PDB file of N, CA and C in Angstrom:
ATOM      1  N   MET A   1      14.595-128.834  34.236  1.00  0.00           N
ATOM      2  CA  MET A   1      14.051-130.107  33.791  1.00  0.00           C
ATOM      3  C   MET A   1      14.795-130.529  32.530  1.00  0.00           C
ATOM      4  N   SER A   2      15.311-131.752  32.519  1.00  0.00           N
ATOM      5  CA  SER A   2      16.063-132.216  31.363  1.00  0.00           C
ATOM      6  C   SER A   2      15.130-132.763  30.289  1.00  0.00           C
ATOM      7  N   LYS A   3      15.550-132.597  29.062  1.00  0.00           N
ATOM      8  CA  LYS A   3      14.773-133.088  27.935  1.00  0.00           C
ATOM      9  C   LYS A   3      15.040-134.575  27.750  1.00  0.00           C
ATOM     10  N   LYS A   4      13.999-135.356  27.618  1.00  0.00           N
ATOM     11  CA  LYS A   4      14.137-136.794  27.432  1.00  0.00           C
ATOM     12  C   LYS A   4      14.457-137.083  25.964  1.00  0.00           C
ATOM     13  N   ILE A   5      15.525-137.835  25.742  1.00  0.00           N
ATOM     14  CA  ILE A   5      15.934-138.194  24.391  1.00  0.00           C
ATOM     15  C   ILE A   5      15.169-139.431  23.963  1.00  0.00           C
ATOM     16  N   LYS A   6      14.563-139.373  22.792  1.00  0.00           N
ATOM     17  CA  LYS A   6      13.842-140.526  22.266  1.00  0.00           C
ATOM     18  C   LYS A   6      14.772-141.300  21.339  1.00  0.00           C
ATOM     19  N   HIS A   7      15.019-142.541  21.710  1.00  0.00           N
ATOM     20  CA  HIS A   7      15.894-143.383  20.908  1.00  0.00           C
ATOM     21  C   HIS A   7      15.087-144.236  19.943  1.00  0.00           C
ATOM     22  N   SER A   8      15.711-144.546  18.837  1.00  0.00           N
ATOM     23  CA  SER A   8      15.138-145.485  17.889  1.00  0.00           C
ATOM     24  C   SER A   8      15.968-146.759  17.957  1.00  0.00           C
ATOM     25  N   VAL A   9      15.282-147.896  18.029  1.00  0.00           N
ATOM     26  CA  VAL A   9      15.953-149.169  18.250  1.00  0.00           C
ATOM     27  C   VAL A   9      15.613-150.139  17.123  1.00  0.00           C
ATOM     28  N   ALA A  10      16.635-150.758  16.561  1.00  0.00           N
ATOM     29  CA  ALA A  10      16.444-151.819  15.571  1.00  0.00           C
ATOM     30  C   ALA A  10      16.769-153.147  16.235  1.00  0.00           C
ATOM     31  N   PHE A  11      15.830-154.064  16.197  1.00  0.00           N
ATOM     32  CA  PHE A  11      16.032-155.421  16.702  1.00  0.00           C
ATOM     33  C   PHE A  11      16.186-156.339  15.497  1.00  0.00           C
ATOM     34  N   LEU A  12      17.229-157.149  15.522  1.00  0.00           N
ATOM     35  CA  LEU A  12      17.492-158.048  14.403  1.00  0.00           C
ATOM     36  C   LEU A  12      17.202-159.492  14.787  1.00  0.00           C
ATOM     37  N   PHE A  13      16.585-160.196  13.858  1.00  0.00           N
ATOM     38  CA  PHE A  13      16.396-161.650  13.966  1.00  0.00           C
ATOM     39  C   PHE A  13      15.572-162.080  15.185  1.00  0.00           C
ATOM     40  N   CYS A  14      14.491-161.386  15.473  1.00  0.00           N
ATOM     41  CA  CYS A  14      13.630-161.735  16.611  1.00  0.00           C
ATOM     42  C   CYS A  14      12.580-162.767  16.213  1.00  0.00           C
ATOM     43  N   GLU A  15      12.228-163.585  17.168  1.00  0.00           N
ATOM     44  CA  GLU A  15      11.115-164.519  17.016  1.00  0.00           C
ATOM     45  C   GLU A  15       9.810-163.741  17.194  1.00  0.00           C
ATOM     46  N   PRO A  16       8.699-164.210  16.639  1.00  0.00           N
ATOM     47  CA  PRO A  16       7.431-163.492  16.765  1.00  0.00           C
ATOM     48  C   PRO A  16       7.030-163.202  18.216  1.00  0.00           C
ATOM     49  N   TRP A  17       7.260-164.142  19.117  1.00  0.00           N
ATOM     50  CA  TRP A  17       6.892-163.899  20.521  1.00  0.00           C
ATOM     51  C   TRP A  17       7.760-162.805  21.135  1.00  0.00           C
ATOM     52  N   GLU A  18       9.010-162.685  20.678  1.00  0.00           N
ATOM     53  CA  GLU A  18       9.895-161.637  21.184  1.00  0.00           C
ATOM     54  C   GLU A  18       9.428-160.267  20.711  1.00  0.00           C
ATOM     55  N   VAL A  19       8.959-160.197  19.477  1.00  0.00           N
ATOM     56  CA  VAL A  19       8.456-158.934  18.923  1.00  0.00           C
ATOM     57  C   VAL A  19       7.299-158.426  19.782  1.00  0.00           C
ATOM     58  N   GLU A  20       6.342-159.286  20.077  1.00  0.00           N
ATOM     59  CA  GLU A  20       5.184-158.880  20.883  1.00  0.00           C
ATOM     60  C   GLU A  20       5.609-158.444  22.284  1.00  0.00           C
ATOM     61  N   TYR A  21       6.519-159.187  22.882  1.00  0.00           N
ATOM     62  CA  TYR A  21       7.008-158.859  24.225  1.00  0.00           C
ATOM     63  C   TYR A  21       7.694-157.493  24.232  1.00  0.00           C
ATOM     64  N   LEU A  22       8.600-157.274  23.275  1.00  0.00           N
ATOM     65  CA  LEU A  22       9.346-156.022  23.218  1.00  0.00           C
ATOM     66  C   LEU A  22       8.441-154.829  22.940  1.00  0.00           C
ATOM     67  N   LYS A  23       7.472-155.000  22.065  1.00  0.00           N
ATOM     68  CA  LYS A  23       6.524-153.909  21.798  1.00  0.00           C
ATOM     69  C   LYS A  23       5.762-153.520  23.054  1.00  0.00           C
ATOM     70  N   ALA A  24       5.384-154.499  23.844  1.00  0.00           N
ATOM     71  CA  ALA A  24       4.634-154.236  25.072  1.00  0.00           C
ATOM     72  C   ALA A  24       5.499-153.566  26.130  1.00  0.00           C
ATOM     73  N   LYS A  25       6.757-153.925  26.209  1.00  0.00           N
ATOM     74  CA  LYS A  25       7.651-153.414  27.255  1.00  0.00           C
ATOM     75  C   LYS A  25       8.337-152.096  26.905  1.00  0.00           C
ATOM     76  N   LEU A  26       8.495-151.812  25.633  1.00  0.00           N
ATOM     77  CA  LEU A  26       9.265-150.639  25.198  1.00  0.00           C
ATOM     78  C   LEU A  26       8.401-149.651  24.427  1.00  0.00           C
ATOM     79  N   LYS A  27       7.287-149.298  24.991  1.00  0.00           N
ATOM     80  CA  LYS A  27       6.317-148.431  24.317  1.00  0.00           C
ATOM     81  C   LYS A  27       6.836-147.020  24.061  1.00  0.00           C
ATOM     82  N   ASP A  28       7.808-146.570  24.847  1.00  0.00           N
ATOM     83  CA  ASP A  28       8.313-145.205  24.708  1.00  0.00           C
ATOM     84  C   ASP A  28       9.401-145.049  23.648  1.00  0.00           C
ATOM     85  N   LEU A  29       9.776-146.152  23.017  1.00  0.00           N
ATOM     86  CA  LEU A  29      10.835-146.103  22.015  1.00  0.00           C
ATOM     87  C   LEU A  29      10.284-146.376  20.623  1.00  0.00           C
ATOM     88  N   GLU A  30      10.977-145.850  19.640  1.00  0.00           N
ATOM     89  CA  GLU A  30      10.650-146.175  18.251  1.00  0.00           C
ATOM     90  C   GLU A  30      11.323-147.507  17.938  1.00  0.00           C
ATOM     91  N   LEU A  31      10.547-148.525  17.603  1.00  0.00           N
ATOM     92  CA  LEU A  31      11.073-149.870  17.384  1.00  0.00           C
ATOM     93  C   LEU A  31      10.932-150.295  15.929  1.00  0.00           C
ATOM     94  N   LYS A  32      11.931-151.027  15.456  1.00  0.00           N
ATOM     95  CA  LYS A  32      11.896-151.624  14.115  1.00  0.00           C
ATOM     96  C   LYS A  32      12.443-153.039  14.251  1.00  0.00           C
ATOM     97  N   PHE A  33      11.764-153.987  13.646  1.00  0.00           N
ATOM     98  CA  PHE A  33      12.174-155.383  13.703  1.00  0.00           C
ATOM     99  C   PHE A  33      12.583-155.823  12.303  1.00  0.00           C
ATOM    100  N   ILE A  34      13.813-156.276  12.184  1.00  0.00           N
ATOM    101  CA  ILE A  34      14.377-156.644  10.892  1.00  0.00           C
ATOM    102  C   ILE A  34      14.740-158.120  10.935  1.00  0.00           C
ATOM    103  N   SER A  35      14.223-158.872   9.985  1.00  0.00           N
ATOM    104  CA  SER A  35      14.402-160.323  10.035  1.00  0.00           C
ATOM    105  C   SER A  35      15.621-160.821   9.258  1.00  0.00           C
ATOM    106  N   LYS A  36      16.159-159.995   8.359  1.00  0.00           N
ATOM    107  CA  LYS A  36      17.359-160.454   7.665  1.00  0.00           C
ATOM    108  C   LYS A  36      18.229-159.289   7.233  1.00  0.00           C
ATOM    109  N   ILE A  37      19.519-159.541   7.232  1.00  0.00           N
ATOM    110  CA  ILE A  37      20.541-158.599   6.772  1.00  0.00           C
ATOM    111  C   ILE A  37      21.450-159.411   5.851  1.00  0.00           C
ATOM    112  N   ASP A  38      21.422-159.115   4.572  1.00  0.00           N
ATOM    113  CA  ASP A  38      22.202-159.900   3.615  1.00  0.00           C
ATOM    114  C   ASP A  38      23.252-159.106   2.855  1.00  0.00           C
ATOM    115  N   SER A  39      22.956-157.853   2.601  1.00  0.00           N
ATOM    116  CA  SER A  39      23.839-157.099   1.714  1.00  0.00           C
ATOM    117  C   SER A  39      24.152-155.728   2.300  1.00  0.00           C
ATOM    118  N   ALA A  40      25.041-155.027   1.638  1.00  0.00           N
ATOM    119  CA  ALA A  40      25.401-153.677   2.082  1.00  0.00           C
ATOM    120  C   ALA A  40      24.185-152.763   2.102  1.00  0.00           C
ATOM    121  N   GLY A  41      23.282-152.957   1.161  1.00  0.00           N
ATOM    122  CA  GLY A  41      22.054-152.161   1.134  1.00  0.00           C
ATOM    123  C   GLY A  41      21.193-152.385   2.361  1.00  0.00           C
ATOM    124  N   ASP A  42      21.216-153.599   2.888  1.00  0.00           N
ATOM    125  CA  ASP A  42      20.457-153.888   4.102  1.00  0.00           C
ATOM    126  C   ASP A  42      21.009-153.114   5.297  1.00  0.00           C
ATOM    127  N   TYR A  43      22.324-152.924   5.338  1.00  0.00           N
ATOM    128  CA  TYR A  43      22.913-152.170   6.441  1.00  0.00           C
ATOM    129  C   TYR A  43      22.491-150.708   6.404  1.00  0.00           C
ATOM    130  N   LYS A  44      22.225-150.193   5.218  1.00  0.00           N
ATOM    131  CA  LYS A  44      21.766-148.807   5.101  1.00  0.00           C
ATOM    132  C   LYS A  44      20.426-148.608   5.807  1.00  0.00           C
ATOM    133  N   LYS A  45      19.613-149.664   5.882  1.00  0.00           N
ATOM    134  CA  LYS A  45      18.340-149.582   6.606  1.00  0.00           C
ATOM    135  C   LYS A  45      18.554-149.290   8.087  1.00  0.00           C
ATOM    136  N   LEU A  46      19.729-149.630   8.594  1.00  0.00           N
ATOM    137  CA  LEU A  46      20.022-149.452  10.017  1.00  0.00           C
ATOM    138  C   LEU A  46      20.577-148.069  10.339  1.00  0.00           C
ATOM    139  N   GLN A  47      20.902-147.280   9.331  1.00  0.00           N
ATOM    140  CA  GLN A  47      21.546-145.982   9.518  1.00  0.00           C
ATOM    141  C   GLN A  47      20.797-145.050  10.481  1.00  0.00           C
ATOM    142  N   PRO A  48      19.480-144.946  10.442  1.00  0.00           N
ATOM    143  CA  PRO A  48      18.812-143.973  11.314  1.00  0.00           C
ATOM    144  C   PRO A  48      18.770-144.357  12.799  1.00  0.00           C
ATOM    145  N   PHE A  49      19.110-145.564  13.141  1.00  0.00           N
ATOM    146  CA  PHE A  49      18.910-146.043  14.510  1.00  0.00           C
ATOM    147  C   PHE A  49      20.074-145.695  15.424  1.00  0.00           C
ATOM    148  N   SER A  50      19.737-145.344  16.671  1.00  0.00           N
ATOM    149  CA  SER A  50      20.765-145.032  17.666  1.00  0.00           C
ATOM    150  C   SER A  50      21.121-146.263  18.497  1.00  0.00           C
ATOM    151  N   ILE A  51      20.263-147.288  18.469  1.00  0.00           N
ATOM    152  CA  ILE A  51      20.505-148.523  19.208  1.00  0.00           C
ATOM    153  C   ILE A  51      20.178-149.696  18.290  1.00  0.00           C
ATOM    154  N   ILE A  52      21.068-150.694  18.294  1.00  0.00           N
ATOM    155  CA  ILE A  52      20.809-151.920  17.540  1.00  0.00           C
ATOM    156  C   ILE A  52      20.965-153.092  18.499  1.00  0.00           C
ATOM    157  N   SER A  53      19.958-153.931  18.522  1.00  0.00           N
ATOM    158  CA  SER A  53      20.011-155.141  19.333  1.00  0.00           C
ATOM    159  C   SER A  53      20.132-156.330  18.394  1.00  0.00           C
ATOM    160  N   SER A  54      21.206-157.068  18.573  1.00  0.00           N
ATOM    161  CA  SER A  54      21.514-158.154  17.662  1.00  0.00           C
ATOM    162  C   SER A  54      21.938-159.389  18.446  1.00  0.00           C
ATOM    163  N   PHE A  55      21.970-160.514  17.782  1.00  0.00           N
ATOM    164  CA  PHE A  55      22.446-161.743  18.393  1.00  0.00           C
ATOM    165  C   PHE A  55      23.840-162.057  17.869  1.00  0.00           C
ATOM    166  N   ILE A  56      24.511-162.993  18.514  1.00  0.00           N
ATOM    167  CA  ILE A  56      25.909-163.266  18.166  1.00  0.00           C
ATOM    168  C   ILE A  56      26.089-163.788  16.750  1.00  0.00           C
ATOM    169  N   TYR A  57      25.070-164.368  16.173  1.00  0.00           N
ATOM    170  CA  TYR A  57      25.204-164.890  14.813  1.00  0.00           C
ATOM    171  C   TYR A  57      24.856-163.863  13.740  1.00  0.00           C
ATOM    172  N   SER A  58      24.650-162.629  14.124  1.00  0.00           N
ATOM    173  CA  SER A  58      24.362-161.572  13.154  1.00  0.00           C
ATOM    174  C   SER A  58      25.618-161.270  12.341  1.00  0.00           C
ATOM    175  N   PRO A  59      25.454-161.021  11.054  1.00  0.00           N
ATOM    176  CA  PRO A  59      26.615-160.842  10.167  1.00  0.00           C
ATOM    177  C   PRO A  59      27.203-159.429  10.187  1.00  0.00           C
ATOM    178  N   PHE A  60      27.612-158.953  11.354  1.00  0.00           N
ATOM    179  CA  PHE A  60      28.219-157.631  11.458  1.00  0.00           C
ATOM    180  C   PHE A  60      29.729-157.735  11.365  1.00  0.00           C
ATOM    181  N   THR A  61      30.306-156.760  10.695  1.00  0.00           N
ATOM    182  CA  THR A  61      31.763-156.625  10.677  1.00  0.00           C
ATOM    183  C   THR A  61      32.092-155.249  11.253  1.00  0.00           C
ATOM    184  N   ALA A  62      33.349-155.027  11.552  1.00  0.00           N
ATOM    185  CA  ALA A  62      33.769-153.716  12.052  1.00  0.00           C
ATOM    186  C   ALA A  62      33.442-152.629  11.035  1.00  0.00           C
ATOM    187  N   GLN A  63      33.609-152.928   9.775  1.00  0.00           N
ATOM    188  CA  GLN A  63      33.304-151.949   8.719  1.00  0.00           C
ATOM    189  C   GLN A  63      31.813-151.607   8.706  1.00  0.00           C
ATOM    190  N   ASN A  64      30.943-152.610   8.863  1.00  0.00           N
ATOM    191  CA  ASN A  64      29.505-152.357   8.912  1.00  0.00           C
ATOM    192  C   ASN A  64      29.165-151.427  10.072  1.00  0.00           C
ATOM    193  N   LEU A  65      29.731-151.710  11.236  1.00  0.00           N
ATOM    194  CA  LEU A  65      29.439-150.894  12.415  1.00  0.00           C
ATOM    195  C   LEU A  65      29.951-149.463  12.265  1.00  0.00           C
ATOM    196  N   LYS A  66      31.117-149.288  11.667  1.00  0.00           N
ATOM    197  CA  LYS A  66      31.666-147.943  11.452  1.00  0.00           C
ATOM    198  C   LYS A  66      30.770-147.106  10.544  1.00  0.00           C
ATOM    199  N   SER A  67      30.059-147.756   9.633  1.00  0.00           N
ATOM    200  CA  SER A  67      29.200-147.027   8.699  1.00  0.00           C
ATOM    201  C   SER A  67      27.915-146.524   9.358  1.00  0.00           C
ATOM    202  N   LEU A  68      27.602-147.008  10.547  1.00  0.00           N
ATOM    203  CA  LEU A  68      26.372-146.624  11.244  1.00  0.00           C
ATOM    204  C   LEU A  68      26.663-145.442  12.164  1.00  0.00           C
ATOM    205  N   THR A  69      26.669-144.252  11.592  1.00  0.00           N
ATOM    206  CA  THR A  69      27.113-143.062  12.306  1.00  0.00           C
ATOM    207  C   THR A  69      26.169-142.582  13.403  1.00  0.00           C
ATOM    208  N   ASN A  70      24.921-142.979  13.373  1.00  0.00           N
ATOM    209  CA  ASN A  70      23.975-142.584  14.425  1.00  0.00           C
ATOM    210  C   ASN A  70      24.002-143.520  15.615  1.00  0.00           C
ATOM    211  N   LEU A  71      24.719-144.608  15.503  1.00  0.00           N
ATOM    212  CA  LEU A  71      24.744-145.631  16.543  1.00  0.00           C
ATOM    213  C   LEU A  71      25.353-145.086  17.819  1.00  0.00           C
ATOM    214  N   LYS A  72      24.623-145.242  18.934  1.00  0.00           N
ATOM    215  CA  LYS A  72      25.093-144.778  20.239  1.00  0.00           C
ATOM    216  C   LYS A  72      25.356-145.935  21.192  1.00  0.00           C
ATOM    217  N   TYR A  73      24.570-147.009  21.060  1.00  0.00           N
ATOM    218  CA  TYR A  73      24.656-148.125  22.016  1.00  0.00           C
ATOM    219  C   TYR A  73      24.734-149.427  21.274  1.00  0.00           C
TER     220      TYR A  73
END
């Protein structure tokens, strides 16, 4: 029997209705909803997450993504 890996997911810039929908559908995951990313310190908040869900207007750079060492997806 294989061990199920529990992922932690950060969702960025979600609308309130999206938060409720995602919480209801993704009960088996650790979820965090972040409404703004402005500075390098804000990116540190994302460090523990293995999955980040973002929209195209999110202020990510290649350097920001490289700093997220736990990121899998």
